[in-house]
Amino acid sequence: MKKLRARKDFQEPDNVVAYGNPCRIISKREHPYSVSSFVIARDEEDEIGRTIDSLKSQTHDVHPIVVVDDGSVDATPTIAVEKGCQLVRLPYHEESYVGRPELANVCNAGLERIEEHGIPDFVLQMGADHILSDHYVESILSRMGANVKVASGGTQLKNLNVNTPWGSGRIIEAKLWNAINGMRYPVKWGYESWIVYKVRQLGYDVRRYDDVDSFTRPLRMYPDKAFKWGKCSYALGGSMPFALIKALGMGTDGFHFMKGYFSRKDVEKHEDVAKFVKKQQYERGLAIC
């Protein structure tokens, strides 16, 4: 697996995709933008088939579709191959990586395989339990405009954060991401939010279009998840006042969130965005996170 290629002096590449405004929805055959997708999966034989089918049913072509099998012991990899996806198999491990920095390596394995085909215009990041409406990709691309670099549709779930894209189903402008750090996630707590803050720091925008439909498993909060969220908050540069306000809104899980915030033994900060995150929290409040 390639190492993260950090670039100290960022310059926007000449070939970053720019979009007409307004954009029109056009057919799959004439659409000018390339979109590749990676799907991370671990023991998802009951869900992954429908997720892949929804990707293949998009009115905008998505190619390649890469399934990163994170050590499954069920039929997940077999289903991915039978449905025509490219498969990356990672070794079995006992502990789940959900919410942990190690999951960034799983994502990066998919990004590395995509890169073998050349850097696309966009990357669509997917979980294995996420079913997209047929026009999902096409609808989002038609709205992104020149300044939006990370976007997602909505789900049936309530999201408290204004305009913050979901992790699964997010579409990222790949050439910009490649210019930032080689189109990889940093292997740190809070890696998934890092790209959102990074593009904002560079003066771009992110969006979530809640009327673009998709369906995913219900989310639930529990002590270990809240603990991991706390670690992510600190790693991203989250301020103490913000952490306390967020914890107060989490009920009994707030205690575990704060415990994670102060549990810093294995937490490496995202120094490139930490000051920006703290400043944004003071200026804009809870809506940015």
C-alpha atoms as a PDB file:
ATOM      1  CA  MET A   1       0.000   0.000   0.000  1.00  0.00           C
ATOM      2  CA  LYS A   2       1.369   3.403  -0.948  1.00  0.00           C
ATOM      3  CA  LYS A   3       2.253   5.877   1.747  1.00  0.00           C
ATOM      4  CA  LEU A   4       0.316   9.111   2.053  1.00  0.00           C
ATOM      5  CA  ARG A   5       1.996  11.652  -0.182  1.00  0.00           C
ATOM      6  CA  ALA A   6       1.817  14.890   1.715  1.00  0.00           C
ATOM      7  CA  ARG A   7       2.315  18.072  -0.270  1.00  0.00           C
ATOM      8  CA  LYS A   8       3.385  21.133   1.644  1.00  0.00           C
ATOM      9  CA  ASP A   9       2.865  23.743  -1.056  1.00  0.00           C
ATOM     10  CA  PHE A  10      -0.618  23.276  -2.434  1.00  0.00           C
ATOM     11  CA  GLN A  11      -1.448  24.605  -5.865  1.00  0.00           C
ATOM     12  CA  GLU A  12      -4.701  23.883  -7.625  1.00  0.00           C
ATOM     13  CA  PRO A  13      -3.944  21.839 -10.753  1.00  0.00           C
ATOM     14  CA  ASP A  14      -4.855  23.213 -14.144  1.00  0.00           C
ATOM     15  CA  ASN A  15      -7.127  20.251 -14.822  1.00  0.00           C
ATOM     16  CA  VAL A  16      -9.402  20.558 -11.782  1.00  0.00           C
ATOM     17  CA  VAL A  17     -12.923  20.058 -13.067  1.00  0.00           C
ATOM     18  CA  ALA A  18     -14.944  23.252 -13.484  1.00  0.00           C
ATOM     19  CA  TYR A  19     -18.669  23.082 -14.069  1.00  0.00           C
ATOM     20  CA  GLY A  20     -21.070  25.264 -15.935  1.00  0.00           C
ATOM     21  CA  ASN A  21     -23.637  27.078 -13.842  1.00  0.00           C
ATOM     22  CA  PRO A  22     -26.401  26.140 -14.075  1.00  0.00           C
ATOM     23  CA  CYS A  23     -25.627  22.556 -15.114  1.00  0.00           C
ATOM     24  CA  ARG A  24     -28.176  20.438 -16.901  1.00  0.00           C
ATOM     25  CA  ILE A  25     -28.813  16.739 -16.365  1.00  0.00           C
ATOM     26  CA  ILE A  26     -27.700  14.884 -19.481  1.00  0.00           C
ATOM     27  CA  SER A  27     -27.696  11.245 -20.455  1.00  0.00           C
ATOM     28  CA  LYS A  28     -25.128   8.683 -19.379  1.00  0.00           C
ATOM     29  CA  ARG A  29     -23.680   8.440 -22.881  1.00  0.00           C
ATOM     30  CA  GLU A  30     -22.837  12.134 -23.227  1.00  0.00           C
ATOM     31  CA  HIS A  31     -21.892  12.983 -19.653  1.00  0.00           C
ATOM     32  CA  PRO A  32     -18.331  14.387 -19.683  1.00  0.00           C
ATOM     33  CA  TYR A  33     -17.211  13.472 -16.143  1.00  0.00           C
ATOM     34  CA  SER A  34     -15.646  10.193 -15.037  1.00  0.00           C
ATOM     35  CA  VAL A  35     -16.802   8.763 -11.706  1.00  0.00           C
ATOM     36  CA  SER A  36     -15.187   5.838  -9.891  1.00  0.00           C
ATOM     37  CA  SER A  37     -16.413   4.253  -6.675  1.00  0.00           C
ATOM     38  CA  PHE A  38     -15.012   2.200  -3.825  1.00  0.00           C
ATOM     39  CA  VAL A  39     -17.172   0.241  -1.393  1.00  0.00           C
ATOM     40  CA  ILE A  40     -15.770  -0.854   1.967  1.00  0.00           C
ATOM     41  CA  ALA A  41     -17.267  -4.078   3.281  1.00  0.00           C
ATOM     42  CA  ARG A  42     -16.819  -6.577   6.113  1.00  0.00           C
ATOM     43  CA  ASP A  43     -19.229  -9.504   6.459  1.00  0.00           C
ATOM     44  CA  GLU A  44     -21.962  -7.742   4.477  1.00  0.00           C
ATOM     45  CA  GLU A  45     -23.371 -10.622   2.419  1.00  0.00           C
ATOM     46  CA  ASP A  46     -26.951  -9.575   3.232  1.00  0.00           C
ATOM     47  CA  GLU A  47     -26.493  -5.985   2.050  1.00  0.00           C
ATOM     48  CA  ILE A  48     -23.710  -5.615  -0.494  1.00  0.00           C
ATOM     49  CA  GLY A  49     -25.569  -7.069  -3.461  1.00  0.00           C
ATOM     50  CA  ARG A  50     -28.256  -4.369  -3.329  1.00  0.00           C
ATOM     51  CA  THR A  51     -25.619  -1.662  -2.879  1.00  0.00           C
ATOM     52  CA  ILE A  52     -23.713  -2.821  -5.953  1.00  0.00           C
ATOM     53  CA  ASP A  53     -26.954  -3.075  -7.946  1.00  0.00           C
ATOM     54  CA  SER A  54     -27.760   0.549  -7.080  1.00  0.00           C
ATOM     55  CA  LEU A  55     -24.335   1.644  -8.309  1.00  0.00           C
ATOM     56  CA  LYS A  56     -24.755  -0.253 -11.556  1.00  0.00           C
ATOM     57  CA  SER A  57     -28.230   1.258 -12.029  1.00  0.00           C
ATOM     58  CA  GLN A  58     -26.981   4.856 -11.962  1.00  0.00           C
ATOM     59  CA  THR A  59     -27.970   7.022 -14.919  1.00  0.00           C
ATOM     60  CA  HIS A  60     -24.392   8.303 -14.835  1.00  0.00           C
ATOM     61  CA  ASP A  61     -21.756   5.650 -15.494  1.00  0.00           C
ATOM     62  CA  VAL A  62     -19.685   4.634 -12.446  1.00  0.00           C
ATOM     63  CA  HIS A  63     -16.490   2.766 -13.316  1.00  0.00           C
ATOM     64  CA  PRO A  64     -14.655   1.031 -11.882  1.00  0.00           C
ATOM     65  CA  ILE A  65     -16.611  -0.137  -8.853  1.00  0.00           C
ATOM     66  CA  VAL A  66     -14.029  -1.408  -6.390  1.00  0.00           C
ATOM     67  CA  VAL A  67     -15.106  -3.479  -3.386  1.00  0.00           C
ATOM     68  CA  VAL A  68     -12.560  -3.506  -0.574  1.00  0.00           C
ATOM     69  CA  ASP A  69     -13.201  -6.626   1.478  1.00  0.00           C
ATOM     70  CA  ASP A  70     -11.872  -5.970   4.964  1.00  0.00           C
ATOM     71  CA  GLY A  71     -11.323  -9.538   6.108  1.00  0.00           C
ATOM     72  CA  SER A  72     -14.820 -10.965   5.629  1.00  0.00           C
ATOM     73  CA  VAL A  73     -15.544 -14.561   6.585  1.00  0.00           C
ATOM     74  CA  ASP A  74     -18.889 -14.701   4.744  1.00  0.00           C
ATOM     75  CA  ALA A  75     -19.837 -14.518   1.064  1.00  0.00           C
ATOM     76  CA  THR A  76     -19.167 -10.781   0.670  1.00  0.00           C
ATOM     77  CA  PRO A  77     -16.159 -11.149  -1.699  1.00  0.00           C
ATOM     78  CA  THR A  78     -17.912 -13.813  -3.772  1.00  0.00           C
ATOM     79  CA  ILE A  79     -20.951 -11.587  -4.304  1.00  0.00           C
ATOM     80  CA  ALA A  80     -18.741  -8.651  -5.298  1.00  0.00           C
ATOM     81  CA  VAL A  81     -16.966 -10.705  -7.963  1.00  0.00           C
ATOM     82  CA  GLU A  82     -20.175 -12.280  -9.254  1.00  0.00           C
ATOM     83  CA  LYS A  83     -21.630  -8.801  -9.757  1.00  0.00           C
ATOM     84  CA  GLY A  84     -18.641  -7.702 -11.812  1.00  0.00           C
ATOM     85  CA  CYS A  85     -16.812  -5.504  -9.316  1.00  0.00           C
ATOM     86  CA  GLN A  86     -13.090  -5.270  -8.879  1.00  0.00           C
ATOM     87  CA  LEU A  87     -12.126  -6.851  -5.562  1.00  0.00           C
ATOM     88  CA  VAL A  88      -9.397  -5.898  -3.120  1.00  0.00           C
ATOM     89  CA  ARG A  89      -9.071  -8.430  -0.288  1.00  0.00           C
ATOM     90  CA  LEU A  90      -7.455  -7.395   2.974  1.00  0.00           C
ATOM     91  CA  PRO A  91      -6.357  -9.781   5.750  1.00  0.00           C
ATOM     92  CA  TYR A  92      -8.728 -10.909   8.467  1.00  0.00           C
ATOM     93  CA  HIS A  93      -8.540  -9.064  11.791  1.00  0.00           C
ATOM     94  CA  GLU A  94     -10.498  -9.696  14.967  1.00  0.00           C
ATOM     95  CA  GLU A  95     -11.433  -6.152  15.960  1.00  0.00           C
ATOM     96  CA  SER A  96     -13.786  -3.996  13.906  1.00  0.00           C
ATOM     97  CA  TYR A  97     -12.129  -0.913  12.417  1.00  0.00           C
ATOM     98  CA  VAL A  98     -15.364   1.097  12.261  1.00  0.00           C
ATOM     99  CA  GLY A  99     -14.697   4.591  13.604  1.00  0.00           C
ATOM    100  CA  ARG A 100     -10.975   3.918  13.976  1.00  0.00           C
ATOM    101  CA  PRO A 101      -7.954   5.266  12.031  1.00  0.00           C
ATOM    102  CA  GLU A 102      -7.302   1.813  10.573  1.00  0.00           C
ATOM    103  CA  LEU A 103     -10.410   2.177   8.431  1.00  0.00           C
ATOM    104  CA  ALA A 104      -8.574   4.898   6.517  1.00  0.00           C
ATOM    105  CA  ASN A 105      -6.203   2.188   5.270  1.00  0.00           C
ATOM    106  CA  VAL A 106      -9.215   0.241   4.005  1.00  0.00           C
ATOM    107  CA  CYS A 107     -10.458   3.299   2.101  1.00  0.00           C
ATOM    108  CA  ASN A 108      -6.977   3.968   0.770  1.00  0.00           C
ATOM    109  CA  ALA A 109      -6.749   0.437  -0.605  1.00  0.00           C
ATOM    110  CA  GLY A 110      -9.803   1.216  -2.728  1.00  0.00           C
ATOM    111  CA  LEU A 111      -8.399   4.578  -3.785  1.00  0.00           C
ATOM    112  CA  GLU A 112      -5.142   2.934  -4.770  1.00  0.00           C
ATOM    113  CA  ARG A 113      -6.954   0.484  -7.029  1.00  0.00           C
ATOM    114  CA  ILE A 114      -8.955   3.322  -8.596  1.00  0.00           C
ATOM    115  CA  GLU A 115      -5.731   5.235  -9.234  1.00  0.00           C
ATOM    116  CA  GLU A 116      -4.417   2.312 -11.278  1.00  0.00           C
ATOM    117  CA  HIS A 117      -7.044   3.262 -13.867  1.00  0.00           C
ATOM    118  CA  GLY A 118      -6.017   6.936 -13.768  1.00  0.00           C
ATOM    119  CA  ILE A 119      -7.335   9.743 -11.599  1.00  0.00           C
ATOM    120  CA  PRO A 120     -11.060  10.177 -12.369  1.00  0.00           C
ATOM    121  CA  ASP A 121     -12.955  13.447 -12.154  1.00  0.00           C
ATOM    122  CA  PHE A 122     -14.853  12.233  -9.076  1.00  0.00           C
ATOM    123  CA  VAL A 123     -14.670   9.498  -6.471  1.00  0.00           C
ATOM    124  CA  LEU A 124     -17.855   8.123  -4.904  1.00  0.00           C
ATOM    125  CA  GLN A 125     -17.237   6.690  -1.430  1.00  0.00           C
ATOM    126  CA  MET A 126     -19.652   3.968  -0.307  1.00  0.00           C
ATOM    127  CA  GLY A 127     -20.462   1.766   2.635  1.00  0.00           C
ATOM    128  CA  ALA A 128     -21.762  -1.714   1.889  1.00  0.00           C
ATOM    129  CA  ASP A 129     -25.279  -1.012   3.215  1.00  0.00           C
ATOM    130  CA  HIS A 130     -26.150   2.083   1.187  1.00  0.00           C
ATOM    131  CA  ILE A 131     -28.710   1.940  -1.626  1.00  0.00           C
ATOM    132  CA  LEU A 132     -28.743   4.922  -3.982  1.00  0.00           C
ATOM    133  CA  SER A 133     -31.608   6.170  -6.111  1.00  0.00           C
ATOM    134  CA  ASP A 134     -30.941   5.751  -9.840  1.00  0.00           C
ATOM    135  CA  HIS A 135     -30.301   9.480 -10.454  1.00  0.00           C
ATOM    136  CA  TYR A 136     -28.165   9.945  -7.323  1.00  0.00           C
ATOM    137  CA  VAL A 137     -24.803  10.601  -8.983  1.00  0.00           C
ATOM    138  CA  GLU A 138     -26.189  12.543 -11.942  1.00  0.00           C
ATOM    139  CA  SER A 139     -28.338  14.763  -9.737  1.00  0.00           C
ATOM    140  CA  ILE A 140     -25.487  15.676  -7.396  1.00  0.00           C
ATOM    141  CA  LEU A 141     -23.039  16.431 -10.218  1.00  0.00           C
ATOM    142  CA  SER A 142     -25.622  18.695 -11.858  1.00  0.00           C
ATOM    143  CA  ARG A 143     -25.759  20.841  -8.703  1.00  0.00           C
ATOM    144  CA  MET A 144     -22.188  21.000  -7.489  1.00  0.00           C
ATOM    145  CA  GLY A 145     -21.124  24.035  -9.498  1.00  0.00           C
ATOM    146  CA  ALA A 146     -17.557  25.313  -9.671  1.00  0.00           C
ATOM    147  CA  ASN A 147     -16.895  25.726  -5.959  1.00  0.00           C
ATOM    148  CA  VAL A 148     -18.425  22.595  -4.361  1.00  0.00           C
ATOM    149  CA  LYS A 149     -15.791  19.869  -4.081  1.00  0.00           C
ATOM    150  CA  VAL A 150     -17.409  17.388  -1.655  1.00  0.00           C
ATOM    151  CA  ALA A 151     -21.127  16.585  -1.752  1.00  0.00           C
ATOM    152  CA  SER A 152     -23.635  13.893  -0.916  1.00  0.00           C
ATOM    153  CA  GLY A 153     -27.329  13.276  -1.171  1.00  0.00           C
ATOM    154  CA  GLY A 154     -29.604  12.671   1.767  1.00  0.00           C
ATOM    155  CA  THR A 155     -30.850   9.522   3.442  1.00  0.00           C
ATOM    156  CA  GLN A 156     -33.993   8.574   5.321  1.00  0.00           C
ATOM    157  CA  LEU A 157     -32.094   9.468   8.521  1.00  0.00           C
ATOM    158  CA  LYS A 158     -32.100  12.859  10.220  1.00  0.00           C
ATOM    159  CA  ASN A 159     -28.793  14.709  10.035  1.00  0.00           C
ATOM    160  CA  LEU A 160     -28.253  17.526  12.528  1.00  0.00           C
ATOM    161  CA  ASN A 161     -25.364  19.163  10.705  1.00  0.00           C
ATOM    162  CA  VAL A 162     -26.174  21.817   8.133  1.00  0.00           C
ATOM    163  CA  ASN A 163     -24.759  20.985   4.665  1.00  0.00           C
ATOM    164  CA  THR A 164     -22.311  18.374   5.991  1.00  0.00           C
ATOM    165  CA  PRO A 165     -22.069  15.480   3.487  1.00  0.00           C
ATOM    166  CA  TRP A 166     -22.619  11.940   4.683  1.00  0.00           C
ATOM    167  CA  GLY A 167     -19.542   9.702   4.787  1.00  0.00           C
ATOM    168  CA  SER A 168     -21.055   6.998   2.613  1.00  0.00           C
ATOM    169  CA  GLY A 169     -22.475   8.392  -0.613  1.00  0.00           C
ATOM    170  CA  ARG A 170     -20.135  11.380  -0.707  1.00  0.00           C
ATOM    171  CA  ILE A 171     -18.752  12.452  -4.060  1.00  0.00           C
ATOM    172  CA  ILE A 172     -15.301  14.047  -3.949  1.00  0.00           C
ATOM    173  CA  GLU A 173     -13.567  16.027  -6.702  1.00  0.00           C
ATOM    174  CA  ALA A 174     -10.677  13.653  -7.262  1.00  0.00           C
ATOM    175  CA  LYS A 175      -8.157  15.822  -9.066  1.00  0.00           C
ATOM    176  CA  LEU A 176      -8.272  18.406  -6.295  1.00  0.00           C
ATOM    177  CA  TRP A 177      -7.907  15.650  -3.685  1.00  0.00           C
ATOM    178  CA  ASN A 178      -4.966  14.243  -5.609  1.00  0.00           C
ATOM    179  CA  ALA A 179      -3.323  17.676  -5.672  1.00  0.00           C
ATOM    180  CA  ILE A 180      -3.754  18.034  -1.907  1.00  0.00           C
ATOM    181  CA  ASN A 181      -2.123  14.768  -0.823  1.00  0.00           C
ATOM    182  CA  GLY A 182      -2.207  12.130  -3.514  1.00  0.00           C
ATOM    183  CA  MET A 183      -5.899  11.182  -3.135  1.00  0.00           C
ATOM    184  CA  ARG A 184      -5.523   9.369   0.178  1.00  0.00           C
ATOM    185  CA  TYR A 185      -7.011   9.670   3.635  1.00  0.00           C
ATOM    186  CA  PRO A 186      -4.556  10.372   6.484  1.00  0.00           C
ATOM    187  CA  VAL A 187      -4.456   7.378   8.818  1.00  0.00           C
ATOM    188  CA  LYS A 188      -5.571   9.277  11.915  1.00  0.00           C
ATOM    189  CA  TRP A 189      -8.652   9.600  14.090  1.00  0.00           C
ATOM    190  CA  GLY A 190     -11.214  11.757  12.285  1.00  0.00           C
ATOM    191  CA  TYR A 191      -9.837  10.990   8.831  1.00  0.00           C
ATOM    192  CA  GLU A 192     -13.277  11.072   7.181  1.00  0.00           C
ATOM    193  CA  SER A 193     -14.047  14.618   8.359  1.00  0.00           C
ATOM    194  CA  TRP A 194     -10.545  15.783   7.447  1.00  0.00           C
ATOM    195  CA  ILE A 195     -11.308  16.052   3.714  1.00  0.00           C
ATOM    196  CA  VAL A 196     -14.400  18.183   4.450  1.00  0.00           C
ATOM    197  CA  TYR A 197     -12.402  20.635   6.546  1.00  0.00           C
ATOM    198  CA  LYS A 198      -9.499  20.614   4.105  1.00  0.00           C
ATOM    199  CA  VAL A 199     -11.536  21.724   1.112  1.00  0.00           C
ATOM    200  CA  ARG A 200     -13.198  24.423   3.237  1.00  0.00           C
ATOM    201  CA  GLN A 201      -9.793  25.591   4.394  1.00  0.00           C
ATOM    202  CA  LEU A 202      -8.769  25.963   0.737  1.00  0.00           C
ATOM    203  CA  GLY A 203     -11.769  28.206   0.084  1.00  0.00           C
ATOM    204  CA  TYR A 204     -14.091  25.643  -1.484  1.00  0.00           C
ATOM    205  CA  ASP A 205     -17.481  24.450  -0.283  1.00  0.00           C
ATOM    206  CA  VAL A 206     -19.257  21.220   0.655  1.00  0.00           C
ATOM    207  CA  ARG A 207     -22.936  20.387   0.319  1.00  0.00           C
ATOM    208  CA  ARG A 208     -25.547  17.818   1.264  1.00  0.00           C
ATOM    209  CA  TYR A 209     -28.602  17.654  -1.002  1.00  0.00           C
ATOM    210  CA  ASP A 210     -31.264  16.060   1.166  1.00  0.00           C
ATOM    211  CA  ASP A 211     -33.789  15.701  -1.664  1.00  0.00           C
ATOM    212  CA  VAL A 212     -31.448  13.331  -3.556  1.00  0.00           C
ATOM    213  CA  ASP A 213     -32.627  10.059  -2.094  1.00  0.00           C
ATOM    214  CA  SER A 214     -30.764   7.076  -0.724  1.00  0.00           C
ATOM    215  CA  PHE A 215     -31.350   4.485   1.978  1.00  0.00           C
ATOM    216  CA  THR A 216     -29.002   3.117   4.611  1.00  0.00           C
ATOM    217  CA  ARG A 217     -29.176   1.170   7.852  1.00  0.00           C
ATOM    218  CA  PRO A 218     -30.405   3.134  10.873  1.00  0.00           C
ATOM    219  CA  LEU A 219     -27.617   4.704  12.888  1.00  0.00           C
ATOM    220  CA  ARG A 220     -27.441   4.469  16.645  1.00  0.00           C
ATOM    221  CA  MET A 221     -25.250   6.006  19.296  1.00  0.00           C
ATOM    222  CA  TYR A 222     -23.615   3.877  21.982  1.00  0.00           C
ATOM    223  CA  PRO A 223     -20.781   4.430  24.494  1.00  0.00           C
ATOM    224  CA  ASP A 224     -17.898   3.094  22.374  1.00  0.00           C
ATOM    225  CA  LYS A 225     -19.012   5.112  19.343  1.00  0.00           C
ATOM    226  CA  ALA A 226     -19.302   8.279  21.437  1.00  0.00           C
ATOM    227  CA  PHE A 227     -15.827   7.608  22.841  1.00  0.00           C
ATOM    228  CA  LYS A 228     -14.393   7.359  19.310  1.00  0.00           C
ATOM    229  CA  TRP A 229     -16.183  10.543  18.277  1.00  0.00           C
ATOM    230  CA  GLY A 230     -14.477  12.321  21.156  1.00  0.00           C
ATOM    231  CA  LYS A 231     -11.060  11.165  19.981  1.00  0.00           C
ATOM    232  CA  CYS A 232     -11.886  12.331  16.451  1.00  0.00           C
ATOM    233  CA  SER A 233     -12.982  15.737  17.729  1.00  0.00           C
ATOM    234  CA  TYR A 234      -9.674  16.309  19.472  1.00  0.00           C
ATOM    235  CA  ALA A 235      -7.646  14.996  16.513  1.00  0.00           C
ATOM    236  CA  LEU A 236      -9.321  17.471  14.170  1.00  0.00           C
ATOM    237  CA  GLY A 237      -8.569  20.412  16.439  1.00  0.00           C
ATOM    238  CA  GLY A 238     -11.940  20.673  18.168  1.00  0.00           C
ATOM    239  CA  SER A 239     -12.005  23.212  20.973  1.00  0.00           C
ATOM    240  CA  MET A 240     -12.888  22.433  24.584  1.00  0.00           C
ATOM    241  CA  PRO A 241     -16.023  24.651  24.655  1.00  0.00           C
ATOM    242  CA  PHE A 242     -17.301  22.984  21.506  1.00  0.00           C
ATOM    243  CA  ALA A 243     -16.648  19.502  22.936  1.00  0.00           C
ATOM    244  CA  LEU A 244     -18.602  20.363  26.090  1.00  0.00           C
ATOM    245  CA  ILE A 245     -21.550  21.781  24.136  1.00  0.00           C
ATOM    246  CA  LYS A 246     -21.646  18.719  21.900  1.00  0.00           C
ATOM    247  CA  ALA A 247     -21.420  16.371  24.879  1.00  0.00           C
ATOM    248  CA  LEU A 248     -24.344  18.093  26.600  1.00  0.00           C
ATOM    249  CA  GLY A 249     -26.491  17.365  23.586  1.00  0.00           C
ATOM    250  CA  MET A 250     -25.651  13.652  23.610  1.00  0.00           C
ATOM    251  CA  GLY A 251     -27.354  12.661  26.844  1.00  0.00           C
ATOM    252  CA  THR A 252     -25.598   9.894  28.765  1.00  0.00           C
ATOM    253  CA  ASP A 253     -23.276   9.274  25.796  1.00  0.00           C
ATOM    254  CA  GLY A 254     -21.808  12.748  26.342  1.00  0.00           C
ATOM    255  CA  PHE A 255     -19.703  11.391  29.215  1.00  0.00           C
ATOM    256  CA  HIS A 256     -18.091   8.870  26.868  1.00  0.00           C
ATOM    257  CA  PHE A 257     -17.578  11.562  24.216  1.00  0.00           C
ATOM    258  CA  MET A 258     -15.635  13.692  26.704  1.00  0.00           C
ATOM    259  CA  LYS A 259     -13.719  10.658  27.904  1.00  0.00           C
ATOM    260  CA  GLY A 260     -12.623  10.083  24.323  1.00  0.00           C
ATOM    261  CA  TYR A 261     -11.770  13.770  23.882  1.00  0.00           C
ATOM    262  CA  PHE A 262      -9.318  13.543  26.793  1.00  0.00           C
ATOM    263  CA  SER A 263      -7.984  10.091  25.823  1.00  0.00           C
ATOM    264  CA  ARG A 264      -5.045  11.235  23.713  1.00  0.00           C
ATOM    265  CA  LYS A 265      -2.477   8.459  24.039  1.00  0.00           C
ATOM    266  CA  ASP A 266      -2.861   7.224  20.453  1.00  0.00           C
ATOM    267  CA  VAL A 267      -4.241  10.436  18.912  1.00  0.00           C
ATOM    268  CA  GLU A 268      -2.228  12.350  16.338  1.00  0.00           C
ATOM    269  CA  LYS A 269      -3.672  15.737  15.444  1.00  0.00           C
ATOM    270  CA  HIS A 270      -4.451  16.826  11.895  1.00  0.00           C
ATOM    271  CA  GLU A 271      -2.077  19.763  12.191  1.00  0.00           C
ATOM    272  CA  ASP A 272      -2.864  20.996   8.678  1.00  0.00           C
ATOM    273  CA  VAL A 273      -6.501  21.772   9.584  1.00  0.00           C
ATOM    274  CA  ALA A 274      -6.575  21.956  13.414  1.00  0.00           C
ATOM    275  CA  LYS A 275      -6.320  25.746  13.699  1.00  0.00           C
ATOM    276  CA  PHE A 276      -8.867  26.193  10.929  1.00  0.00           C
ATOM    277  CA  VAL A 277     -11.332  23.836  12.649  1.00  0.00           C
ATOM    278  CA  LYS A 278     -11.052  25.649  15.964  1.00  0.00           C
ATOM    279  CA  LYS A 279     -11.527  29.026  14.284  1.00  0.00           C
ATOM    280  CA  GLN A 280     -14.572  27.765  12.376  1.00  0.00           C
ATOM    281  CA  GLN A 281     -16.123  26.400  15.549  1.00  0.00           C
ATOM    282  CA  TYR A 282     -15.882  29.767  17.261  1.00  0.00           C
ATOM    283  CA  GLU A 283     -17.155  31.621  14.195  1.00  0.00           C
ATOM    284  CA  ARG A 284     -19.902  29.302  12.995  1.00  0.00           C
ATOM    285  CA  GLY A 285     -20.727  26.995  15.892  1.00  0.00           C
ATOM    286  CA  LEU A 286     -22.116  23.474  15.870  1.00  0.00           C
ATOM    287  CA  ALA A 287     -23.438  23.695  12.308  1.00  0.00           C
ATOM    288  CA  ILE A 288     -20.024  23.046  10.740  1.00  0.00           C
ATOM    289  CA  CYS A 289     -19.290  19.665  12.327  1.00  0.00           C
END
